Amino acid sequence: HFSVRYRPGFEPYEPDETGVPDAAEI
């Protein structure tokens, strides 16, 4: 499972204070 890749477009998801995705994200 180890993997290292060059992915400059990767954006980690940062949840809001509720931790619940909104309608658009769903």
mmCIF file of all heavy atoms, coordinates in Angstrom:
data_MODEL
# 
_entry.id   MODEL 
# 
loop_
_atom_site.group_PDB 
_atom_site.id 
_atom_site.type_symbol 
_atom_site.label_atom_id 
_atom_site.label_alt_id 
_atom_site.label_comp_id 
_atom_site.label_asym_id 
_atom_site.label_entity_id 
_atom_site.label_seq_id 
_atom_site.pdbx_PDB_ins_code 
_atom_site.Cartn_x 
_atom_site.Cartn_y 
_atom_site.Cartn_z 
_atom_site.occupancy 
_atom_site.B_iso_or_equiv 
_atom_site.pdbx_formal_charge 
_atom_site.auth_seq_id 
_atom_site.auth_comp_id 
_atom_site.auth_asym_id 
_atom_site.auth_atom_id 
_atom_site.pdbx_PDB_model_num 
ATOM 1   N N   . HIS A 1 1  ? 0.810   -1.214 0.000   1.00 0.00 ? 1  HIS A N   1 
ATOM 2   C CA  . HIS A 1 1  ? 0.000   0.000  0.000   1.00 0.00 ? 1  HIS A CA  1 
ATOM 3   C C   . HIS A 1 1  ? 0.847   1.269  0.000   1.00 0.00 ? 1  HIS A C   1 
ATOM 4   O O   . HIS A 1 1  ? 0.334   2.349  -0.316  1.00 0.00 ? 1  HIS A O   1 
ATOM 5   C CB  . HIS A 1 1  ? -0.925  0.025  1.230   1.00 0.00 ? 1  HIS A CB  1 
ATOM 6   C CG  . HIS A 1 1  ? -2.256  -0.616 0.990   1.00 0.00 ? 1  HIS A CG  1 
ATOM 7   N ND1 . HIS A 1 1  ? -2.570  -1.868 1.444   1.00 0.00 ? 1  HIS A ND1 1 
ATOM 8   C CD2 . HIS A 1 1  ? -3.359  -0.167 0.347   1.00 0.00 ? 1  HIS A CD2 1 
ATOM 9   C CE1 . HIS A 1 1  ? -3.809  -2.173 1.102   1.00 0.00 ? 1  HIS A CE1 1 
ATOM 10  N NE2 . HIS A 1 1  ? -4.307  -1.150 0.431   1.00 0.00 ? 1  HIS A NE2 1 
ATOM 11  N N   . PHE A 1 2  ? 2.114   1.162  0.374   1.00 0.00 ? 2  PHE A N   1 
ATOM 12  C CA  . PHE A 1 2  ? 2.976   2.345  0.351   1.00 0.00 ? 2  PHE A CA  1 
ATOM 13  C C   . PHE A 1 2  ? 2.994   2.931  -1.062  1.00 0.00 ? 2  PHE A C   1 
ATOM 14  O O   . PHE A 1 2  ? 3.135   2.212  -2.059  1.00 0.00 ? 2  PHE A O   1 
ATOM 15  C CB  . PHE A 1 2  ? 4.407   1.980  0.739   1.00 0.00 ? 2  PHE A CB  1 
ATOM 16  C CG  . PHE A 1 2  ? 4.665   1.971  2.214   1.00 0.00 ? 2  PHE A CG  1 
ATOM 17  C CD1 . PHE A 1 2  ? 5.418   0.952  2.783   1.00 0.00 ? 2  PHE A CD1 1 
ATOM 18  C CD2 . PHE A 1 2  ? 4.188   2.986  3.040   1.00 0.00 ? 2  PHE A CD2 1 
ATOM 19  C CE1 . PHE A 1 2  ? 5.686   0.939  4.151   1.00 0.00 ? 2  PHE A CE1 1 
ATOM 20  C CE2 . PHE A 1 2  ? 4.451   2.984  4.399   1.00 0.00 ? 2  PHE A CE2 1 
ATOM 21  C CZ  . PHE A 1 2  ? 5.194   1.957  4.961   1.00 0.00 ? 2  PHE A CZ  1 
ATOM 22  N N   . SER A 1 3  ? 2.883   4.236  -1.127  1.00 0.00 ? 3  SER A N   1 
ATOM 23  C CA  . SER A 1 3  ? 2.938   4.886  -2.432  1.00 0.00 ? 3  SER A CA  1 
ATOM 24  C C   . SER A 1 3  ? 3.382   6.329  -2.257  1.00 0.00 ? 3  SER A C   1 
ATOM 25  O O   . SER A 1 3  ? 2.969   7.003  -1.310  1.00 0.00 ? 3  SER A O   1 
ATOM 26  C CB  . SER A 1 3  ? 1.565   4.853  -3.108  1.00 0.00 ? 3  SER A CB  1 
ATOM 27  O OG  . SER A 1 3  ? 1.602   5.490  -4.364  1.00 0.00 ? 3  SER A OG  1 
ATOM 28  N N   . VAL A 1 4  ? 4.248   6.794  -3.144  1.00 0.00 ? 4  VAL A N   1 
ATOM 29  C CA  . VAL A 1 4  ? 4.618   8.206  -3.211  1.00 0.00 ? 4  VAL A CA  1 
ATOM 30  C C   . VAL A 1 4  ? 4.478   8.630  -4.658  1.00 0.00 ? 4  VAL A C   1 
ATOM 31  O O   . VAL A 1 4  ? 5.024   7.990  -5.554  1.00 0.00 ? 4  VAL A O   1 
ATOM 32  C CB  . VAL A 1 4  ? 6.066   8.455  -2.726  1.00 0.00 ? 4  VAL A CB  1 
ATOM 33  C CG1 . VAL A 1 4  ? 6.391   9.947  -2.826  1.00 0.00 ? 4  VAL A CG1 1 
ATOM 34  C CG2 . VAL A 1 4  ? 6.257   7.966  -1.304  1.00 0.00 ? 4  VAL A CG2 1 
ATOM 35  N N   . ARG A 1 5  ? 3.727   9.694  -4.894  1.00 0.00 ? 5  ARG A N   1 
ATOM 36  C CA  . ARG A 1 5  ? 3.501   10.171 -6.249  1.00 0.00 ? 5  ARG A CA  1 
ATOM 37  C C   . ARG A 1 5  ? 3.599   11.695 -6.285  1.00 0.00 ? 5  ARG A C   1 
ATOM 38  O O   . ARG A 1 5  ? 3.371   12.371 -5.282  1.00 0.00 ? 5  ARG A O   1 
ATOM 39  C CB  . ARG A 1 5  ? 2.112   9.747  -6.758  1.00 0.00 ? 5  ARG A CB  1 
ATOM 40  C CG  . ARG A 1 5  ? 1.892   8.243  -6.872  1.00 0.00 ? 5  ARG A CG  1 
ATOM 41  C CD  . ARG A 1 5  ? 2.838   7.599  -7.856  1.00 0.00 ? 5  ARG A CD  1 
ATOM 42  N NE  . ARG A 1 5  ? 2.519   6.196  -8.077  1.00 0.00 ? 5  ARG A NE  1 
ATOM 43  C CZ  . ARG A 1 5  ? 3.359   5.318  -8.612  1.00 0.00 ? 5  ARG A CZ  1 
ATOM 44  N NH1 . ARG A 1 5  ? 4.577   5.706  -8.965  1.00 0.00 ? 5  ARG A NH1 1 
ATOM 45  N NH2 . ARG A 1 5  ? 3.007   4.070  -8.794  1.00 0.00 ? 5  ARG A NH2 1 
ATOM 46  N N   . TYR A 1 6  ? 3.887   12.195 -7.454  1.00 0.00 ? 6  TYR A N   1 
ATOM 47  C CA  . TYR A 1 6  ? 3.875   13.632 -7.684  1.00 0.00 ? 6  TYR A CA  1 
ATOM 48  C C   . TYR A 1 6  ? 2.488   14.010 -8.180  1.00 0.00 ? 6  TYR A C   1 
ATOM 49  O O   . TYR A 1 6  ? 2.094   13.655 -9.292  1.00 0.00 ? 6  TYR A O   1 
ATOM 50  C CB  . TYR A 1 6  ? 4.938   14.005 -8.709  1.00 0.00 ? 6  TYR A CB  1 
ATOM 51  C CG  . TYR A 1 6  ? 4.926   15.480 -9.075  1.00 0.00 ? 6  TYR A CG  1 
ATOM 52  C CD1 . TYR A 1 6  ? 5.097   16.454 -8.107  1.00 0.00 ? 6  TYR A CD1 1 
ATOM 53  C CD2 . TYR A 1 6  ? 4.768   15.869 -10.408 1.00 0.00 ? 6  TYR A CD2 1 
ATOM 54  C CE1 . TYR A 1 6  ? 5.099   17.808 -8.447  1.00 0.00 ? 6  TYR A CE1 1 
ATOM 55  C CE2 . TYR A 1 6  ? 4.777   17.211 -10.758 1.00 0.00 ? 6  TYR A CE2 1 
ATOM 56  C CZ  . TYR A 1 6  ? 4.930   18.176 -9.768  1.00 0.00 ? 6  TYR A CZ  1 
ATOM 57  O OH  . TYR A 1 6  ? 4.932   19.500 -10.107 1.00 0.00 ? 6  TYR A OH  1 
ATOM 58  N N   . ARG A 1 7  ? 1.721   14.681 -7.348  1.00 0.00 ? 7  ARG A N   1 
ATOM 59  C CA  . ARG A 1 7  ? 0.358   15.090 -7.672  1.00 0.00 ? 7  ARG A CA  1 
ATOM 60  C C   . ARG A 1 7  ? 0.147   16.528 -7.205  1.00 0.00 ? 7  ARG A C   1 
ATOM 61  O O   . ARG A 1 7  ? -0.444  16.765 -6.146  1.00 0.00 ? 7  ARG A O   1 
ATOM 62  C CB  . ARG A 1 7  ? -0.669  14.162 -7.025  1.00 0.00 ? 7  ARG A CB  1 
ATOM 63  C CG  . ARG A 1 7  ? -0.726  12.752 -7.561  1.00 0.00 ? 7  ARG A CG  1 
ATOM 64  C CD  . ARG A 1 7  ? -1.274  12.726 -8.990  1.00 0.00 ? 7  ARG A CD  1 
ATOM 65  N NE  . ARG A 1 7  ? -1.526  11.362 -9.421  1.00 0.00 ? 7  ARG A NE  1 
ATOM 66  C CZ  . ARG A 1 7  ? -0.608  10.557 -9.932  1.00 0.00 ? 7  ARG A CZ  1 
ATOM 67  N NH1 . ARG A 1 7  ? 0.635   10.995 -10.057 1.00 0.00 ? 7  ARG A NH1 1 
ATOM 68  N NH2 . ARG A 1 7  ? -0.910  9.333  -10.309 1.00 0.00 ? 7  ARG A NH2 1 
ATOM 69  N N   . PRO A 1 8  ? 0.630   17.498 -7.968  1.00 0.00 ? 8  PRO A N   1 
ATOM 70  C CA  . PRO A 1 8  ? 0.529   18.892 -7.525  1.00 0.00 ? 8  PRO A CA  1 
ATOM 71  C C   . PRO A 1 8  ? -0.901  19.385 -7.385  1.00 0.00 ? 8  PRO A C   1 
ATOM 72  O O   . PRO A 1 8  ? -1.169  20.352 -6.679  1.00 0.00 ? 8  PRO A O   1 
ATOM 73  C CB  . PRO A 1 8  ? 1.286   19.656 -8.609  1.00 0.00 ? 8  PRO A CB  1 
ATOM 74  C CG  . PRO A 1 8  ? 1.260   18.764 -9.800  1.00 0.00 ? 8  PRO A CG  1 
ATOM 75  C CD  . PRO A 1 8  ? 1.317   17.368 -9.264  1.00 0.00 ? 8  PRO A CD  1 
ATOM 76  N N   . GLY A 1 9  ? -1.854  18.716 -8.032  1.00 0.00 ? 9  GLY A N   1 
ATOM 77  C CA  . GLY A 1 9  ? -3.244  19.155 -7.949  1.00 0.00 ? 9  GLY A CA  1 
ATOM 78  C C   . GLY A 1 9  ? -4.001  18.599 -6.764  1.00 0.00 ? 9  GLY A C   1 
ATOM 79  O O   . GLY A 1 9  ? -5.173  18.914 -6.557  1.00 0.00 ? 9  GLY A O   1 
ATOM 80  N N   . PHE A 1 10 ? -3.352  17.766 -5.960  1.00 0.00 ? 10 PHE A N   1 
ATOM 81  C CA  . PHE A 1 10 ? -4.041  17.148 -4.825  1.00 0.00 ? 10 PHE A CA  1 
ATOM 82  C C   . PHE A 1 10 ? -4.367  18.190 -3.762  1.00 0.00 ? 10 PHE A C   1 
ATOM 83  O O   . PHE A 1 10 ? -3.505  18.954 -3.343  1.00 0.00 ? 10 PHE A O   1 
ATOM 84  C CB  . PHE A 1 10 ? -3.161  16.052 -4.221  1.00 0.00 ? 10 PHE A CB  1 
ATOM 85  C CG  . PHE A 1 10 ? -3.724  15.453 -2.959  1.00 0.00 ? 10 PHE A CG  1 
ATOM 86  C CD1 . PHE A 1 10 ? -4.817  14.617 -3.002  1.00 0.00 ? 10 PHE A CD1 1 
ATOM 87  C CD2 . PHE A 1 10 ? -3.146  15.736 -1.725  1.00 0.00 ? 10 PHE A CD2 1 
ATOM 88  C CE1 . PHE A 1 10 ? -5.334  14.057 -1.836  1.00 0.00 ? 10 PHE A CE1 1 
ATOM 89  C CE2 . PHE A 1 10 ? -3.649  15.192 -0.559  1.00 0.00 ? 10 PHE A CE2 1 
ATOM 90  C CZ  . PHE A 1 10 ? -4.742  14.347 -0.618  1.00 0.00 ? 10 PHE A CZ  1 
ATOM 91  N N   . GLU A 1 11 ? -5.630  18.204 -3.345  1.00 0.00 ? 11 GLU A N   1 
ATOM 92  C CA  . GLU A 1 11 ? -6.071  19.123 -2.304  1.00 0.00 ? 11 GLU A CA  1 
ATOM 93  C C   . GLU A 1 11 ? -6.746  18.332 -1.188  1.00 0.00 ? 11 GLU A C   1 
ATOM 94  O O   . GLU A 1 11 ? -7.798  17.739 -1.396  1.00 0.00 ? 11 GLU A O   1 
ATOM 95  C CB  . GLU A 1 11 ? -7.061  20.156 -2.859  1.00 0.00 ? 11 GLU A CB  1 
ATOM 96  C CG  . GLU A 1 11 ? -6.471  21.067 -3.916  1.00 0.00 ? 11 GLU A CG  1 
ATOM 97  C CD  . GLU A 1 11 ? -7.477  22.075 -4.431  1.00 0.00 ? 11 GLU A CD  1 
ATOM 98  O OE1 . GLU A 1 11 ? -8.606  22.104 -3.883  1.00 0.00 ? 11 GLU A OE1 1 
ATOM 99  O OE2 . GLU A 1 11 ? -7.143  22.811 -5.369  1.00 0.00 ? 11 GLU A OE2 1 
ATOM 100 N N   . PRO A 1 12 ? -6.137  18.297 -0.018  1.00 0.00 ? 12 PRO A N   1 
ATOM 101 C CA  . PRO A 1 12 ? -6.764  17.574 1.094   1.00 0.00 ? 12 PRO A CA  1 
ATOM 102 C C   . PRO A 1 12 ? -8.070  18.238 1.498   1.00 0.00 ? 12 PRO A C   1 
ATOM 103 O O   . PRO A 1 12 ? -8.197  19.467 1.461   1.00 0.00 ? 12 PRO A O   1 
ATOM 104 C CB  . PRO A 1 12 ? -5.721  17.670 2.216   1.00 0.00 ? 12 PRO A CB  1 
ATOM 105 C CG  . PRO A 1 12 ? -4.935  18.891 1.884   1.00 0.00 ? 12 PRO A CG  1 
ATOM 106 C CD  . PRO A 1 12 ? -4.881  18.956 0.383   1.00 0.00 ? 12 PRO A CD  1 
ATOM 107 N N   . TYR A 1 13 ? -9.034  17.415 1.860   1.00 0.00 ? 13 TYR A N   1 
ATOM 108 C CA  . TYR A 1 13 ? -10.335 17.942 2.267   1.00 0.00 ? 13 TYR A CA  1 
ATOM 109 C C   . TYR A 1 13 ? -10.263 18.461 3.698   1.00 0.00 ? 13 TYR A C   1 
ATOM 110 O O   . TYR A 1 13 ? -9.789  17.778 4.599   1.00 0.00 ? 13 TYR A O   1 
ATOM 111 C CB  . TYR A 1 13 ? -11.390 16.835 2.171   1.00 0.00 ? 13 TYR A CB  1 
ATOM 112 C CG  . TYR A 1 13 ? -12.733 17.219 2.731   1.00 0.00 ? 13 TYR A CG  1 
ATOM 113 C CD1 . TYR A 1 13 ? -13.444 18.294 2.198   1.00 0.00 ? 13 TYR A CD1 1 
ATOM 114 C CD2 . TYR A 1 13 ? -13.278 16.508 3.796   1.00 0.00 ? 13 TYR A CD2 1 
ATOM 115 C CE1 . TYR A 1 13 ? -14.683 18.641 2.705   1.00 0.00 ? 13 TYR A CE1 1 
ATOM 116 C CE2 . TYR A 1 13 ? -14.514 16.860 4.303   1.00 0.00 ? 13 TYR A CE2 1 
ATOM 117 C CZ  . TYR A 1 13 ? -15.219 17.921 3.758   1.00 0.00 ? 13 TYR A CZ  1 
ATOM 118 O OH  . TYR A 1 13 ? -16.439 18.260 4.276   1.00 0.00 ? 13 TYR A OH  1 
ATOM 119 N N   . GLU A 1 14 ? -10.735 19.684 3.872   1.00 0.00 ? 14 GLU A N   1 
ATOM 120 C CA  . GLU A 1 14 ? -10.764 20.288 5.194   1.00 0.00 ? 14 GLU A CA  1 
ATOM 121 C C   . GLU A 1 14 ? -12.223 20.477 5.607   1.00 0.00 ? 14 GLU A C   1 
ATOM 122 O O   . GLU A 1 14 ? -12.908 21.375 5.113   1.00 0.00 ? 14 GLU A O   1 
ATOM 123 C CB  . GLU A 1 14 ? -10.045 21.645 5.183   1.00 0.00 ? 14 GLU A CB  1 
ATOM 124 C CG  . GLU A 1 14 ? -8.573  21.566 4.841   1.00 0.00 ? 14 GLU A CG  1 
ATOM 125 C CD  . GLU A 1 14 ? -7.760  20.814 5.873   1.00 0.00 ? 14 GLU A CD  1 
ATOM 126 O OE1 . GLU A 1 14 ? -8.241  20.668 7.014   1.00 0.00 ? 14 GLU A OE1 1 
ATOM 127 O OE2 . GLU A 1 14 ? -6.648  20.360 5.552   1.00 0.00 ? 14 GLU A OE2 1 
ATOM 128 N N   . PRO A 1 15 ? -12.762 19.615 6.490   1.00 0.00 ? 15 PRO A N   1 
ATOM 129 C CA  . PRO A 1 15 ? -14.166 19.732 6.873   1.00 0.00 ? 15 PRO A CA  1 
ATOM 130 C C   . PRO A 1 15 ? -14.412 20.994 7.690   1.00 0.00 ? 15 PRO A C   1 
ATOM 131 O O   . PRO A 1 15 ? -13.503 21.538 8.317   1.00 0.00 ? 15 PRO A O   1 
ATOM 132 C CB  . PRO A 1 15 ? -14.396 18.473 7.712   1.00 0.00 ? 15 PRO A CB  1 
ATOM 133 C CG  . PRO A 1 15 ? -13.048 18.141 8.273   1.00 0.00 ? 15 PRO A CG  1 
ATOM 134 C CD  . PRO A 1 15 ? -12.057 18.549 7.210   1.00 0.00 ? 15 PRO A CD  1 
ATOM 135 N N   . ASP A 1 16 ? -15.669 21.455 7.653   1.00 0.00 ? 16 ASP A N   1 
ATOM 136 C CA  . ASP A 1 16 ? -16.016 22.592 8.493   1.00 0.00 ? 16 ASP A CA  1 
ATOM 137 C C   . ASP A 1 16 ? -16.187 22.125 9.930   1.00 0.00 ? 16 ASP A C   1 
ATOM 138 O O   . ASP A 1 16 ? -15.902 20.967 10.264  1.00 0.00 ? 16 ASP A O   1 
ATOM 139 C CB  . ASP A 1 16 ? -17.276 23.287 7.979   1.00 0.00 ? 16 ASP A CB  1 
ATOM 140 C CG  . ASP A 1 16 ? -18.494 22.358 7.959   1.00 0.00 ? 16 ASP A CG  1 
ATOM 141 O OD1 . ASP A 1 16 ? -18.498 21.340 8.699   1.00 0.00 ? 16 ASP A OD1 1 
ATOM 142 O OD2 . ASP A 1 16 ? -19.445 22.653 7.217   1.00 0.00 ? 16 ASP A OD2 1 
ATOM 143 N N   . GLU A 1 17 ? -16.676 23.013 10.774  1.00 0.00 ? 17 GLU A N   1 
ATOM 144 C CA  . GLU A 1 17 ? -16.764 22.674 12.194  1.00 0.00 ? 17 GLU A CA  1 
ATOM 145 C C   . GLU A 1 17 ? -17.722 21.526 12.481  1.00 0.00 ? 17 GLU A C   1 
ATOM 146 O O   . GLU A 1 17 ? -17.599 20.832 13.490  1.00 0.00 ? 17 GLU A O   1 
ATOM 147 C CB  . GLU A 1 17 ? -17.173 23.911 13.003  1.00 0.00 ? 17 GLU A CB  1 
ATOM 148 C CG  . GLU A 1 17 ? -18.535 24.494 12.651  1.00 0.00 ? 17 GLU A CG  1 
ATOM 149 C CD  . GLU A 1 17 ? -18.438 25.467 11.471  1.00 0.00 ? 17 GLU A CD  1 
ATOM 150 O OE1 . GLU A 1 17 ? -17.350 25.569 10.876  1.00 0.00 ? 17 GLU A OE1 1 
ATOM 151 O OE2 . GLU A 1 17 ? -19.460 26.100 11.153  1.00 0.00 ? 17 GLU A OE2 1 
ATOM 152 N N   . THR A 1 18 ? -18.684 21.284 11.580  1.00 0.00 ? 18 THR A N   1 
ATOM 153 C CA  . THR A 1 18 ? -19.629 20.181 11.796  1.00 0.00 ? 18 THR A CA  1 
ATOM 154 C C   . THR A 1 18 ? -19.055 18.852 11.348  1.00 0.00 ? 18 THR A C   1 
ATOM 155 O O   . THR A 1 18 ? -19.492 17.795 11.820  1.00 0.00 ? 18 THR A O   1 
ATOM 156 C CB  . THR A 1 18 ? -20.936 20.435 11.037  1.00 0.00 ? 18 THR A CB  1 
ATOM 157 O OG1 . THR A 1 18 ? -20.689 20.334 9.623   1.00 0.00 ? 18 THR A OG1 1 
ATOM 158 C CG2 . THR A 1 18 ? -21.512 21.797 11.366  1.00 0.00 ? 18 THR A CG2 1 
ATOM 159 N N   . GLY A 1 19 ? -18.070 18.888 10.412  1.00 0.00 ? 19 GLY A N   1 
ATOM 160 C CA  . GLY A 1 19 ? -17.513 17.647 9.875   1.00 0.00 ? 19 GLY A CA  1 
ATOM 161 C C   . GLY A 1 19 ? -18.442 16.947 8.906   1.00 0.00 ? 19 GLY A C   1 
ATOM 162 O O   . GLY A 1 19 ? -18.173 15.836 8.472   1.00 0.00 ? 19 GLY A O   1 
ATOM 163 N N   . VAL A 1 20 ? -19.576 17.605 8.553   1.00 0.00 ? 20 VAL A N   1 
ATOM 164 C CA  . VAL A 1 20 ? -20.571 16.999 7.673   1.00 0.00 ? 20 VAL A CA  1 
ATOM 165 C C   . VAL A 1 20 ? -20.533 17.691 6.315   1.00 0.00 ? 20 VAL A C   1 
ATOM 166 O O   . VAL A 1 20 ? -20.568 18.932 6.250   1.00 0.00 ? 20 VAL A O   1 
ATOM 167 C CB  . VAL A 1 20 ? -21.979 17.122 8.287   1.00 0.00 ? 20 VAL A CB  1 
ATOM 168 C CG1 . VAL A 1 20 ? -23.019 16.519 7.345   1.00 0.00 ? 20 VAL A CG1 1 
ATOM 169 C CG2 . VAL A 1 20 ? -22.017 16.430 9.647   1.00 0.00 ? 20 VAL A CG2 1 
ATOM 170 N N   . PRO A 1 21 ? -20.447 16.964 5.215   1.00 0.00 ? 21 PRO A N   1 
ATOM 171 C CA  . PRO A 1 21 ? -20.430 17.601 3.895   1.00 0.00 ? 21 PRO A CA  1 
ATOM 172 C C   . PRO A 1 21 ? -21.764 18.271 3.602   1.00 0.00 ? 21 PRO A C   1 
ATOM 173 O O   . PRO A 1 21 ? -22.823 17.807 4.033   1.00 0.00 ? 21 PRO A O   1 
ATOM 174 C CB  . PRO A 1 21 ? -20.167 16.430 2.943   1.00 0.00 ? 21 PRO A CB  1 
ATOM 175 C CG  . PRO A 1 21 ? -20.645 15.213 3.682   1.00 0.00 ? 21 PRO A CG  1 
ATOM 176 C CD  . PRO A 1 21 ? -20.355 15.491 5.126   1.00 0.00 ? 21 PRO A CD  1 
ATOM 177 N N   . ASP A 1 22 ? -21.719 19.370 2.853   1.00 0.00 ? 22 ASP A N   1 
ATOM 178 C CA  . ASP A 1 22 ? -22.955 20.057 2.506   1.00 0.00 ? 22 ASP A CA  1 
ATOM 179 C C   . ASP A 1 22 ? -23.575 19.416 1.265   1.00 0.00 ? 22 ASP A C   1 
ATOM 180 O O   . ASP A 1 22 ? -23.037 18.463 0.690   1.00 0.00 ? 22 ASP A O   1 
ATOM 181 C CB  . ASP A 1 22 ? -22.708 21.546 2.317   1.00 0.00 ? 22 ASP A CB  1 
ATOM 182 C CG  . ASP A 1 22 ? -21.695 21.847 1.212   1.00 0.00 ? 22 ASP A CG  1 
ATOM 183 O OD1 . ASP A 1 22 ? -21.557 21.024 0.285   1.00 0.00 ? 22 ASP A OD1 1 
ATOM 184 O OD2 . ASP A 1 22 ? -21.044 22.903 1.278   1.00 0.00 ? 22 ASP A OD2 1 
ATOM 185 N N   . ALA A 1 23 ? -24.704 19.969 0.824   1.00 0.00 ? 23 ALA A N   1 
ATOM 186 C CA  . ALA A 1 23 ? -25.445 19.378 -0.288  1.00 0.00 ? 23 ALA A CA  1 
ATOM 187 C C   . ALA A 1 23 ? -24.624 19.349 -1.571  1.00 0.00 ? 23 ALA A C   1 
ATOM 188 O O   . ALA A 1 23 ? -24.675 18.373 -2.336  1.00 0.00 ? 23 ALA A O   1 
ATOM 189 C CB  . ALA A 1 23 ? -26.745 20.149 -0.504  1.00 0.00 ? 23 ALA A CB  1 
ATOM 190 N N   . ALA A 1 24 ? -23.856 20.402 -1.807  1.00 0.00 ? 24 ALA A N   1 
ATOM 191 C CA  . ALA A 1 24 ? -23.039 20.452 -3.024  1.00 0.00 ? 24 ALA A CA  1 
ATOM 192 C C   . ALA A 1 24 ? -21.950 19.378 -2.998  1.00 0.00 ? 24 ALA A C   1 
ATOM 193 O O   . ALA A 1 24 ? -21.661 18.744 -4.019  1.00 0.00 ? 24 ALA A O   1 
ATOM 194 C CB  . ALA A 1 24 ? -22.412 21.835 -3.176  1.00 0.00 ? 24 ALA A CB  1 
ATOM 195 N N   . GLU A 1 25 ? -21.340 19.180 -1.841  1.00 0.00 ? 25 GLU A N   1 
ATOM 196 C CA  . GLU A 1 25 ? -20.291 18.163 -1.715  1.00 0.00 ? 25 GLU A CA  1 
ATOM 197 C C   . GLU A 1 25 ? -20.872 16.763 -1.889  1.00 0.00 ? 25 GLU A C   1 
ATOM 198 O O   . GLU A 1 25 ? -20.269 15.899 -2.538  1.00 0.00 ? 25 GLU A O   1 
ATOM 199 C CB  . GLU A 1 25 ? -19.609 18.300 -0.352  1.00 0.00 ? 25 GLU A CB  1 
ATOM 200 C CG  . GLU A 1 25 ? -18.784 19.568 -0.234  1.00 0.00 ? 25 GLU A CG  1 
ATOM 201 C CD  . GLU A 1 25 ? -18.297 19.811 1.182   1.00 0.00 ? 25 GLU A CD  1 
ATOM 202 O OE1 . GLU A 1 25 ? -18.937 19.338 2.142   1.00 0.00 ? 25 GLU A OE1 1 
ATOM 203 O OE2 . GLU A 1 25 ? -17.253 20.478 1.332   1.00 0.00 ? 25 GLU A OE2 1 
ATOM 204 N N   . ILE A 1 26 ? -22.042 16.539 -1.322  1.00 0.00 ? 26 ILE A N   1 
ATOM 205 C CA  . ILE A 1 26 ? -22.690 15.235 -1.473  1.00 0.00 ? 26 ILE A CA  1 
ATOM 206 C C   . ILE A 1 26 ? -23.035 14.979 -2.940  1.00 0.00 ? 26 ILE A C   1 
ATOM 207 O O   . ILE A 1 26 ? -22.836 13.874 -3.457  1.00 0.00 ? 26 ILE A O   1 
ATOM 208 C CB  . ILE A 1 26 ? -23.945 15.153 -0.596  1.00 0.00 ? 26 ILE A CB  1 
ATOM 209 C CG1 . ILE A 1 26 ? -23.548 15.155 0.886   1.00 0.00 ? 26 ILE A CG1 1 
ATOM 210 C CG2 . ILE A 1 26 ? -24.759 13.899 -0.922  1.00 0.00 ? 26 ILE A CG2 1 
ATOM 211 C CD1 . ILE A 1 26 ? -24.717 15.232 1.844   1.00 0.00 ? 26 ILE A CD1 1 
# 
